[in-house]
Each structure stands twice: as C-alpha cells, then as structure tokens.
Amino acid sequence: MKDFKEKVKKFLDRMSESKVSVATGAVAVGSVASQAAVTVDSTTGVLSGNIDTAMYSSGIPIVIGFIAFTLGVGAVIGLLKRAR
C-alpha cells in the first residue's frame, strides 16, 4: 500500500507541473465561442431557437482543436508512463 501511495504522490506532483498544459487547453477551448439563440418554453420544457454554425464551416478551428486535443492526450499519456 505504501508503494501505491508513493506512486500517487509522484503522479500528483507531475500533474502540478503540467499547469501550463491545462491553461493552454483551457484557452484553446475558451477561444472558440458558439453563437446561439435558444429559449426554453417554461410550460412544456421544449427548446426552440437557432444556432449559428458559420464559424464551424471553416477548417481552421477544427485543425487547431485537433492539434490541441492530440497534444493534451500525449501529455496525459506521458504523465501516466512516468507515474509507473
């Protein structure tokens, strides 16, 4: 059990070092804002409205999101390998 606690402690220490990665990922996700005008009917609970998807028709946000996702997954896998 002591060995497990040491591994968890090492993993958490490495996670604290990856705050830059977390901040970068949060900025990447937060920079993509969707435009939506949606309302909820209080009596029936039905959603109505529209969502402007013009921003998503460009491939640039998709490519940037995919790169950020790939780098994030790579960082997590690297941290898990080091925690062994």
C-alpha atoms as a PDB file:
ATOM      1  CA  MET A   1       0.000   0.000   0.000  1.00  0.00           C
ATOM      2  CA  LYS A   2       2.896   2.336   0.751  1.00  0.00           C
ATOM      3  CA  ASP A   3       4.236   1.855  -2.788  1.00  0.00           C
ATOM      4  CA  PHE A   4       0.844   2.840  -4.209  1.00  0.00           C
ATOM      5  CA  LYS A   5       0.744   5.999  -2.094  1.00  0.00           C
ATOM      6  CA  GLU A   6       4.206   6.974  -3.325  1.00  0.00           C
ATOM      7  CA  LYS A   7       3.149   6.453  -6.944  1.00  0.00           C
ATOM      8  CA  VAL A   8       0.044   8.586  -6.442  1.00  0.00           C
ATOM      9  CA  LYS A   9       2.122  11.308  -4.791  1.00  0.00           C
ATOM     10  CA  LYS A  10       4.602  11.301  -7.704  1.00  0.00           C
ATOM     11  CA  PHE A  11       1.725  11.425 -10.181  1.00  0.00           C
ATOM     12  CA  LEU A  12       0.129  14.394  -8.409  1.00  0.00           C
ATOM     13  CA  ASP A  13       3.475  16.191  -8.284  1.00  0.00           C
ATOM     14  CA  ARG A  14       3.858  15.750 -12.029  1.00  0.00           C
ATOM     15  CA  MET A  15       0.293  16.921 -12.591  1.00  0.00           C
ATOM     16  CA  SER A  16       1.071  20.162 -10.756  1.00  0.00           C
ATOM     17  CA  GLU A  17       3.958  20.686 -13.193  1.00  0.00           C
ATOM     18  CA  SER A  18       1.559  20.455 -16.119  1.00  0.00           C
ATOM     19  CA  LYS A  19      -0.446  23.570 -15.218  1.00  0.00           C
ATOM     20  CA  VAL A  20       0.826  25.245 -18.381  1.00  0.00           C
ATOM     21  CA  SER A  21      -0.704  22.457 -20.484  1.00  0.00           C
ATOM     22  CA  VAL A  22      -4.008  22.781 -18.674  1.00  0.00           C
ATOM     23  CA  ALA A  23      -4.021  26.559 -19.136  1.00  0.00           C
ATOM     24  CA  THR A  24      -3.216  26.195 -22.830  1.00  0.00           C
ATOM     25  CA  GLY A  25      -6.057  23.723 -23.286  1.00  0.00           C
ATOM     26  CA  ALA A  26      -8.494  25.972 -21.445  1.00  0.00           C
ATOM     27  CA  VAL A  27      -7.550  28.920 -23.668  1.00  0.00           C
ATOM     28  CA  ALA A  28      -7.956  26.789 -26.804  1.00  0.00           C
ATOM     29  CA  VAL A  29     -11.423  25.629 -25.746  1.00  0.00           C
ATOM     30  CA  GLY A  30     -12.483  29.044 -24.454  1.00  0.00           C
ATOM     31  CA  SER A  31     -11.409  30.860 -27.594  1.00  0.00           C
ATOM     32  CA  VAL A  32     -13.967  29.006 -29.684  1.00  0.00           C
ATOM     33  CA  ALA A  33     -17.300  30.637 -28.902  1.00  0.00           C
ATOM     34  CA  SER A  34     -20.553  29.480 -30.434  1.00  0.00           C
ATOM     35  CA  GLN A  35     -23.386  31.810 -31.338  1.00  0.00           C
ATOM     36  CA  ALA A  36     -26.762  30.507 -30.187  1.00  0.00           C
ATOM     37  CA  ALA A  37     -30.183  31.988 -29.550  1.00  0.00           C
ATOM     38  CA  VAL A  38     -32.046  29.229 -27.731  1.00  0.00           C
ATOM     39  CA  THR A  39     -35.035  29.606 -25.439  1.00  0.00           C
ATOM     40  CA  VAL A  40     -36.908  27.152 -23.250  1.00  0.00           C
ATOM     41  CA  ASP A  41     -40.686  27.172 -23.017  1.00  0.00           C
ATOM     42  CA  SER A  42     -41.378  27.087 -19.271  1.00  0.00           C
ATOM     43  CA  THR A  43     -44.726  25.292 -19.597  1.00  0.00           C
ATOM     44  CA  THR A  44     -43.698  22.497 -21.944  1.00  0.00           C
ATOM     45  CA  GLY A  45     -39.912  22.456 -21.437  1.00  0.00           C
ATOM     46  CA  VAL A  46     -39.340  22.485 -25.211  1.00  0.00           C
ATOM     47  CA  LEU A  47     -36.193  24.096 -26.606  1.00  0.00           C
ATOM     48  CA  SER A  48     -36.562  26.441 -29.556  1.00  0.00           C
ATOM     49  CA  GLY A  49     -34.244  28.774 -31.402  1.00  0.00           C
ATOM     50  CA  ASN A  50     -31.311  28.569 -33.747  1.00  0.00           C
ATOM     51  CA  ILE A  51     -27.570  28.058 -33.636  1.00  0.00           C
ATOM     52  CA  ASP A  52     -25.219  29.904 -35.968  1.00  0.00           C
ATOM     53  CA  THR A  53     -22.785  27.296 -37.269  1.00  0.00           C
ATOM     54  CA  ALA A  54     -20.978  29.535 -39.768  1.00  0.00           C
ATOM     55  CA  MET A  55     -17.890  29.590 -37.575  1.00  0.00           C
ATOM     56  CA  TYR A  56     -17.649  25.813 -37.703  1.00  0.00           C
ATOM     57  CA  SER A  57     -17.723  25.680 -41.502  1.00  0.00           C
ATOM     58  CA  SER A  58     -14.082  26.804 -41.538  1.00  0.00           C
ATOM     59  CA  GLY A  59     -11.495  24.063 -41.148  1.00  0.00           C
ATOM     60  CA  ILE A  60      -9.077  26.197 -39.143  1.00  0.00           C
ATOM     61  CA  PRO A  61     -10.802  25.805 -35.741  1.00  0.00           C
ATOM     62  CA  ILE A  62     -11.163  22.077 -36.367  1.00  0.00           C
ATOM     63  CA  VAL A  63      -7.454  21.681 -37.127  1.00  0.00           C
ATOM     64  CA  ILE A  64      -6.424  23.784 -34.128  1.00  0.00           C
ATOM     65  CA  GLY A  65      -8.777  21.823 -31.874  1.00  0.00           C
ATOM     66  CA  PHE A  66      -7.450  18.508 -33.158  1.00  0.00           C
ATOM     67  CA  ILE A  67      -3.843  19.581 -32.571  1.00  0.00           C
ATOM     68  CA  ALA A  68      -4.671  20.767 -29.034  1.00  0.00           C
ATOM     69  CA  PHE A  69      -6.508  17.513 -28.326  1.00  0.00           C
ATOM     70  CA  THR A  70      -3.610  15.416 -29.646  1.00  0.00           C
ATOM     71  CA  LEU A  71      -1.050  17.333 -27.583  1.00  0.00           C
ATOM     72  CA  GLY A  72      -3.216  17.040 -24.473  1.00  0.00           C
ATOM     73  CA  VAL A  73      -3.646  13.288 -24.871  1.00  0.00           C
ATOM     74  CA  GLY A  74       0.095  12.920 -25.438  1.00  0.00           C
ATOM     75  CA  ALA A  75       0.830  14.878 -22.273  1.00  0.00           C
ATOM     76  CA  VAL A  76      -1.536  12.752 -20.187  1.00  0.00           C
ATOM     77  CA  ILE A  77      -0.067   9.518 -21.564  1.00  0.00           C
ATOM     78  CA  GLY A  78       3.433  10.811 -20.807  1.00  0.00           C
ATOM     79  CA  LEU A  79       2.425  11.626 -17.237  1.00  0.00           C
ATOM     80  CA  LEU A  80       0.881   8.200 -16.756  1.00  0.00           C
ATOM     81  CA  LYS A  81       4.027   6.497 -18.073  1.00  0.00           C
ATOM     82  CA  ARG A  82       6.201   8.473 -15.648  1.00  0.00           C
ATOM     83  CA  ALA A  83       3.916   7.621 -12.737  1.00  0.00           C
ATOM     84  CA  ARG A  84       4.767   3.936 -13.061  1.00  0.00           C
END
